[in-house]
Amino acid sequence: MDDTDAVLTYQLGVFTRFMFAGIYVQPEAMFSSSKTEMKFENIFDENNTSNNVVGEMKLNKLDVPVMIGKRFMKILRINAGPVFSYILSQNIGQSGTKEAWNEINAEYKNATVGLQYGIGVDIAMINIDLRVEKGFQAISENLTIGETSFAADQRLEQIMLSVGMKF
């Protein structure tokens, strides 16, 4: 794989927050959709012709982060914690071409574990969070385009900006 491009997607979910001695624990459950465009160069087809292939990977997953954090000045927060991701559906295929001469296949794991960390702001009933997610495990270790197989270390890595409301 030569290059990947991130794409703007969405997430929906719920959270609760428990305070203990100035530290909070915030378990969450979120449905998230992610999409990545992948660019491959010099892929050979059945006629041994070199081609460039653009693939598109879409994942729908249930993310369960458990954030542990500290509040400052009653509005600012820093937090970090594990995130457990369960893949609900996947779709990978060729994009940006008129004729799909190759199939793109990957065997995705059902679940992975990662780390989320970030900062947040609480203003009245509104929560704004900026987080980074890093996957500890590869979600797929093998990627096949037509007759060509790659060892792939695809990890869930993303930057998330979320806006929420407290009830």
C-alpha atoms as a PDB file:
ATOM      1  CA  MET A   1       0.000   0.000   0.000  1.00  0.00           C
ATOM      2  CA  ASP A   2       1.491   3.284  -1.018  1.00  0.00           C
ATOM      3  CA  ASP A   3      -0.826   5.851   0.522  1.00  0.00           C
ATOM      4  CA  THR A   4      -4.067   6.265   2.478  1.00  0.00           C
ATOM      5  CA  ASP A   5      -6.388   9.232   2.796  1.00  0.00           C
ATOM      6  CA  ALA A   6      -8.755   9.801   5.682  1.00  0.00           C
ATOM      7  CA  VAL A   7     -12.348  10.764   5.061  1.00  0.00           C
ATOM      8  CA  LEU A   8     -14.821  12.649   7.263  1.00  0.00           C
ATOM      9  CA  THR A   9     -17.371  10.244   8.823  1.00  0.00           C
ATOM     10  CA  TYR A  10     -19.687  10.177  11.846  1.00  0.00           C
ATOM     11  CA  GLN A  11     -20.290   8.618  15.245  1.00  0.00           C
ATOM     12  CA  LEU A  12     -23.341   8.440  17.519  1.00  0.00           C
ATOM     13  CA  GLY A  13     -23.379   7.280  21.095  1.00  0.00           C
ATOM     14  CA  VAL A  14     -23.994   7.670  24.800  1.00  0.00           C
ATOM     15  CA  PHE A  15     -21.745   8.138  27.813  1.00  0.00           C
ATOM     16  CA  THR A  16     -21.911   8.501  31.565  1.00  0.00           C
ATOM     17  CA  ARG A  17     -19.367   9.988  33.954  1.00  0.00           C
ATOM     18  CA  PHE A  18     -18.541   8.949  37.520  1.00  0.00           C
ATOM     19  CA  MET A  19     -16.342  11.096  39.803  1.00  0.00           C
ATOM     20  CA  PHE A  20     -13.973   9.491  42.338  1.00  0.00           C
ATOM     21  CA  ALA A  21     -11.570  11.636  44.411  1.00  0.00           C
ATOM     22  CA  GLY A  22     -11.097  14.238  41.666  1.00  0.00           C
ATOM     23  CA  ILE A  23     -10.698  11.655  38.882  1.00  0.00           C
ATOM     24  CA  TYR A  24     -13.523  10.642  36.572  1.00  0.00           C
ATOM     25  CA  VAL A  25     -14.312   7.418  34.759  1.00  0.00           C
ATOM     26  CA  GLN A  26     -16.355   7.816  31.588  1.00  0.00           C
ATOM     27  CA  PRO A  27     -17.605   4.627  29.904  1.00  0.00           C
ATOM     28  CA  GLU A  28     -19.112   5.129  26.441  1.00  0.00           C
ATOM     29  CA  ALA A  29     -20.859   3.149  23.718  1.00  0.00           C
ATOM     30  CA  MET A  30     -20.647   4.565  20.207  1.00  0.00           C
ATOM     31  CA  PHE A  31     -21.679   3.449  16.760  1.00  0.00           C
ATOM     32  CA  SER A  32     -19.048   4.786  14.388  1.00  0.00           C
ATOM     33  CA  SER A  33     -18.595   4.708  10.676  1.00  0.00           C
ATOM     34  CA  SER A  34     -15.126   5.044   9.191  1.00  0.00           C
ATOM     35  CA  LYS A  35     -13.931   5.210   5.622  1.00  0.00           C
ATOM     36  CA  THR A  36     -10.423   5.180   4.173  1.00  0.00           C
ATOM     37  CA  GLU A  37      -9.204   5.510   0.625  1.00  0.00           C
ATOM     38  CA  MET A  38      -6.105   3.451  -0.202  1.00  0.00           C
ATOM     39  CA  LYS A  39      -3.822   3.938  -3.191  1.00  0.00           C
ATOM     40  CA  PHE A  40      -1.767   1.078  -4.627  1.00  0.00           C
ATOM     41  CA  GLU A  41       0.790   1.518  -7.395  1.00  0.00           C
ATOM     42  CA  ASN A  42       2.176  -1.059  -9.811  1.00  0.00           C
ATOM     43  CA  ILE A  43      -0.420  -3.789  -9.263  1.00  0.00           C
ATOM     44  CA  PHE A  44      -0.241  -6.361 -12.041  1.00  0.00           C
ATOM     45  CA  ASP A  45      -3.417  -7.754 -13.595  1.00  0.00           C
ATOM     46  CA  GLU A  46      -3.925 -11.155 -15.255  1.00  0.00           C
ATOM     47  CA  ASN A  47      -2.244  -9.843 -18.441  1.00  0.00           C
ATOM     48  CA  ASN A  48       0.832  -8.804 -16.417  1.00  0.00           C
ATOM     49  CA  THR A  49       0.042  -5.111 -17.037  1.00  0.00           C
ATOM     50  CA  SER A  50       1.013  -2.663 -14.300  1.00  0.00           C
ATOM     51  CA  ASN A  51      -1.875  -0.574 -12.958  1.00  0.00           C
ATOM     52  CA  ASN A  52      -2.615   1.826 -10.151  1.00  0.00           C
ATOM     53  CA  VAL A  53      -5.564   0.841  -7.973  1.00  0.00           C
ATOM     54  CA  VAL A  54      -7.597   3.037  -5.633  1.00  0.00           C
ATOM     55  CA  GLY A  55      -9.474   1.132  -2.966  1.00  0.00           C
ATOM     56  CA  GLU A  56     -12.068   2.243  -0.473  1.00  0.00           C
ATOM     57  CA  MET A  57     -12.562   0.602   2.918  1.00  0.00           C
ATOM     58  CA  LYS A  58     -15.732   1.255   4.924  1.00  0.00           C
ATOM     59  CA  LEU A  59     -16.204  -0.073   8.453  1.00  0.00           C
ATOM     60  CA  ASN A  60     -19.192   0.216  10.753  1.00  0.00           C
ATOM     61  CA  LYS A  61     -18.257  -0.603  14.318  1.00  0.00           C
ATOM     62  CA  LEU A  62     -19.333  -0.455  17.924  1.00  0.00           C
ATOM     63  CA  ASP A  63     -16.680   1.341  19.967  1.00  0.00           C
ATOM     64  CA  VAL A  64     -16.617   1.043  23.747  1.00  0.00           C
ATOM     65  CA  PRO A  65     -14.039   3.463  25.187  1.00  0.00           C
ATOM     66  CA  VAL A  66     -13.518   3.697  28.945  1.00  0.00           C
ATOM     67  CA  MET A  67     -11.930   7.083  29.529  1.00  0.00           C
ATOM     68  CA  ILE A  68     -10.185   8.047  32.764  1.00  0.00           C
ATOM     69  CA  GLY A  69      -9.565  11.730  33.233  1.00  0.00           C
ATOM     70  CA  LYS A  70      -9.115  14.842  35.317  1.00  0.00           C
ATOM     71  CA  ARG A  71     -11.048  18.122  35.213  1.00  0.00           C
ATOM     72  CA  PHE A  72      -9.441  21.525  35.554  1.00  0.00           C
ATOM     73  CA  MET A  73     -11.162  24.864  36.256  1.00  0.00           C
ATOM     74  CA  LYS A  74     -14.548  23.083  35.999  1.00  0.00           C
ATOM     75  CA  ILE A  75     -14.530  23.220  32.181  1.00  0.00           C
ATOM     76  CA  LEU A  76     -11.299  21.684  30.845  1.00  0.00           C
ATOM     77  CA  ARG A  77     -10.665  17.918  30.822  1.00  0.00           C
ATOM     78  CA  ILE A  78      -7.809  15.606  29.845  1.00  0.00           C
ATOM     79  CA  ASN A  79      -8.439  11.886  29.493  1.00  0.00           C
ATOM     80  CA  ALA A  80      -7.139   8.578  28.196  1.00  0.00           C
ATOM     81  CA  GLY A  81      -8.244   4.978  28.237  1.00  0.00           C
ATOM     82  CA  PRO A  82      -8.726   1.755  26.359  1.00  0.00           C
ATOM     83  CA  VAL A  83     -11.183   1.415  23.486  1.00  0.00           C
ATOM     84  CA  PHE A  84     -12.713  -1.898  22.515  1.00  0.00           C
ATOM     85  CA  SER A  85     -13.909  -1.980  18.890  1.00  0.00           C
ATOM     86  CA  TYR A  86     -16.310  -4.565  17.451  1.00  0.00           C
ATOM     87  CA  ILE A  87     -16.676  -4.585  13.680  1.00  0.00           C
ATOM     88  CA  LEU A  88     -20.368  -4.764  12.741  1.00  0.00           C
ATOM     89  CA  SER A  89     -19.985  -4.577   8.951  1.00  0.00           C
ATOM     90  CA  GLN A  90     -17.269  -4.067   6.382  1.00  0.00           C
ATOM     91  CA  ASN A  91     -17.069  -3.171   2.739  1.00  0.00           C
ATOM     92  CA  ILE A  92     -13.882  -2.955   0.736  1.00  0.00           C
ATOM     93  CA  GLY A  93     -13.674  -2.402  -2.982  1.00  0.00           C
ATOM     94  CA  GLN A  94     -12.247  -0.448  -5.835  1.00  0.00           C
ATOM     95  CA  SER A  95     -13.189   3.194  -6.222  1.00  0.00           C
ATOM     96  CA  GLY A  96     -12.523   5.969  -8.680  1.00  0.00           C
ATOM     97  CA  THR A  97     -12.328   3.716 -11.749  1.00  0.00           C
ATOM     98  CA  LYS A  98     -14.838   2.902 -14.460  1.00  0.00           C
ATOM     99  CA  GLU A  99     -13.929  -0.760 -14.657  1.00  0.00           C
ATOM    100  CA  ALA A 100     -13.045  -2.799 -11.590  1.00  0.00           C
ATOM    101  CA  TRP A 101     -10.554  -5.251 -13.047  1.00  0.00           C
ATOM    102  CA  ASN A 102      -9.532  -6.539  -9.643  1.00  0.00           C
ATOM    103  CA  GLU A 103     -11.250  -7.505  -6.454  1.00  0.00           C
ATOM    104  CA  ILE A 104      -9.830  -6.208  -3.191  1.00  0.00           C
ATOM    105  CA  ASN A 105     -10.180  -8.623  -0.279  1.00  0.00           C
ATOM    106  CA  ALA A 106      -9.175  -8.455   3.365  1.00  0.00           C
ATOM    107  CA  GLU A 107     -10.049 -10.704   6.273  1.00  0.00           C
ATOM    108  CA  TYR A 108     -10.944  -8.419   9.151  1.00  0.00           C
ATOM    109  CA  LYS A 109     -10.900  -9.422  12.804  1.00  0.00           C
ATOM    110  CA  ASN A 110     -14.197  -9.177  14.667  1.00  0.00           C
ATOM    111  CA  ALA A 111     -12.755  -7.144  17.552  1.00  0.00           C
ATOM    112  CA  THR A 112      -9.678  -5.081  18.395  1.00  0.00           C
ATOM    113  CA  VAL A 113      -8.297  -3.079  21.323  1.00  0.00           C
ATOM    114  CA  GLY A 114      -6.735   0.354  21.175  1.00  0.00           C
ATOM    115  CA  LEU A 115      -6.071   3.525  23.122  1.00  0.00           C
ATOM    116  CA  GLN A 116      -7.859   6.865  23.000  1.00  0.00           C
ATOM    117  CA  TYR A 117      -6.506  10.049  24.531  1.00  0.00           C
ATOM    118  CA  GLY A 118      -7.442  13.677  24.268  1.00  0.00           C
ATOM    119  CA  ILE A 119      -8.805  16.871  25.714  1.00  0.00           C
ATOM    120  CA  GLY A 120     -12.299  18.146  26.264  1.00  0.00           C
ATOM    121  CA  VAL A 121     -14.303  21.183  27.278  1.00  0.00           C
ATOM    122  CA  ASP A 122     -17.592  21.241  29.207  1.00  0.00           C
ATOM    123  CA  ILE A 123     -19.646  24.397  28.672  1.00  0.00           C
ATOM    124  CA  ALA A 124     -23.022  24.232  30.415  1.00  0.00           C
ATOM    125  CA  MET A 125     -24.792  21.201  28.851  1.00  0.00           C
ATOM    126  CA  ILE A 126     -22.388  20.912  25.880  1.00  0.00           C
ATOM    127  CA  ASN A 127     -19.303  18.665  25.751  1.00  0.00           C
ATOM    128  CA  ILE A 128     -16.630  19.083  23.075  1.00  0.00           C
ATOM    129  CA  ASP A 129     -13.888  16.464  22.780  1.00  0.00           C
ATOM    130  CA  LEU A 130     -10.816  16.152  20.566  1.00  0.00           C
ATOM    131  CA  ARG A 131      -9.307  12.655  20.670  1.00  0.00           C
ATOM    132  CA  VAL A 132      -6.732  10.495  18.979  1.00  0.00           C
ATOM    133  CA  GLU A 133      -7.239   6.741  18.654  1.00  0.00           C
ATOM    134  CA  LYS A 134      -4.336   4.337  18.142  1.00  0.00           C
ATOM    135  CA  GLY A 135      -4.958   0.661  17.489  1.00  0.00           C
ATOM    136  CA  PHE A 136      -2.870  -1.860  19.448  1.00  0.00           C
ATOM    137  CA  GLN A 137      -3.757  -4.663  17.042  1.00  0.00           C
ATOM    138  CA  ALA A 138      -3.980  -4.937  13.280  1.00  0.00           C
ATOM    139  CA  ILE A 139      -7.571  -5.299  12.068  1.00  0.00           C
ATOM    140  CA  SER A 140      -6.318  -7.233   9.046  1.00  0.00           C
ATOM    141  CA  GLU A 141      -2.972  -8.845   8.385  1.00  0.00           C
ATOM    142  CA  ASN A 142      -3.495  -9.778   4.754  1.00  0.00           C
ATOM    143  CA  LEU A 143      -4.788  -7.811   1.783  1.00  0.00           C
ATOM    144  CA  THR A 144      -5.367  -9.289  -1.679  1.00  0.00           C
ATOM    145  CA  ILE A 145      -5.899  -7.340  -4.900  1.00  0.00           C
ATOM    146  CA  GLY A 146      -6.706  -9.689  -7.761  1.00  0.00           C
ATOM    147  CA  GLU A 147      -3.845 -12.199  -7.707  1.00  0.00           C
ATOM    148  CA  THR A 148      -1.470 -10.053  -5.604  1.00  0.00           C
ATOM    149  CA  SER A 149      -1.314 -10.531  -1.816  1.00  0.00           C
ATOM    150  CA  PHE A 150       0.228  -8.114   0.663  1.00  0.00           C
ATOM    151  CA  ALA A 151       1.176  -8.425   4.302  1.00  0.00           C
ATOM    152  CA  ALA A 152      -0.843  -5.533   5.694  1.00  0.00           C
ATOM    153  CA  ASP A 153      -0.698  -4.082   9.175  1.00  0.00           C
ATOM    154  CA  GLN A 154      -3.954  -2.140   9.038  1.00  0.00           C
ATOM    155  CA  ARG A 155      -4.629  -0.513  12.402  1.00  0.00           C
ATOM    156  CA  LEU A 156      -7.532   1.649  13.441  1.00  0.00           C
ATOM    157  CA  GLU A 157      -6.035   5.123  13.809  1.00  0.00           C
ATOM    158  CA  GLN A 158      -8.155   8.212  13.773  1.00  0.00           C
ATOM    159  CA  ILE A 159      -8.595  11.754  15.032  1.00  0.00           C
ATOM    160  CA  MET A 160     -12.072  12.464  16.353  1.00  0.00           C
ATOM    161  CA  LEU A 161     -13.844  15.722  17.115  1.00  0.00           C
ATOM    162  CA  SER A 162     -17.136  15.200  18.900  1.00  0.00           C
ATOM    163  CA  VAL A 163     -19.868  17.416  20.278  1.00  0.00           C
ATOM    164  CA  GLY A 164     -22.249  16.021  22.860  1.00  0.00           C
ATOM    165  CA  MET A 165     -25.045  17.088  25.149  1.00  0.00           C
ATOM    166  CA  LYS A 166     -25.583  16.162  28.799  1.00  0.00           C
ATOM    167  CA  PHE A 167     -29.061  15.153  29.896  1.00  0.00           C
END
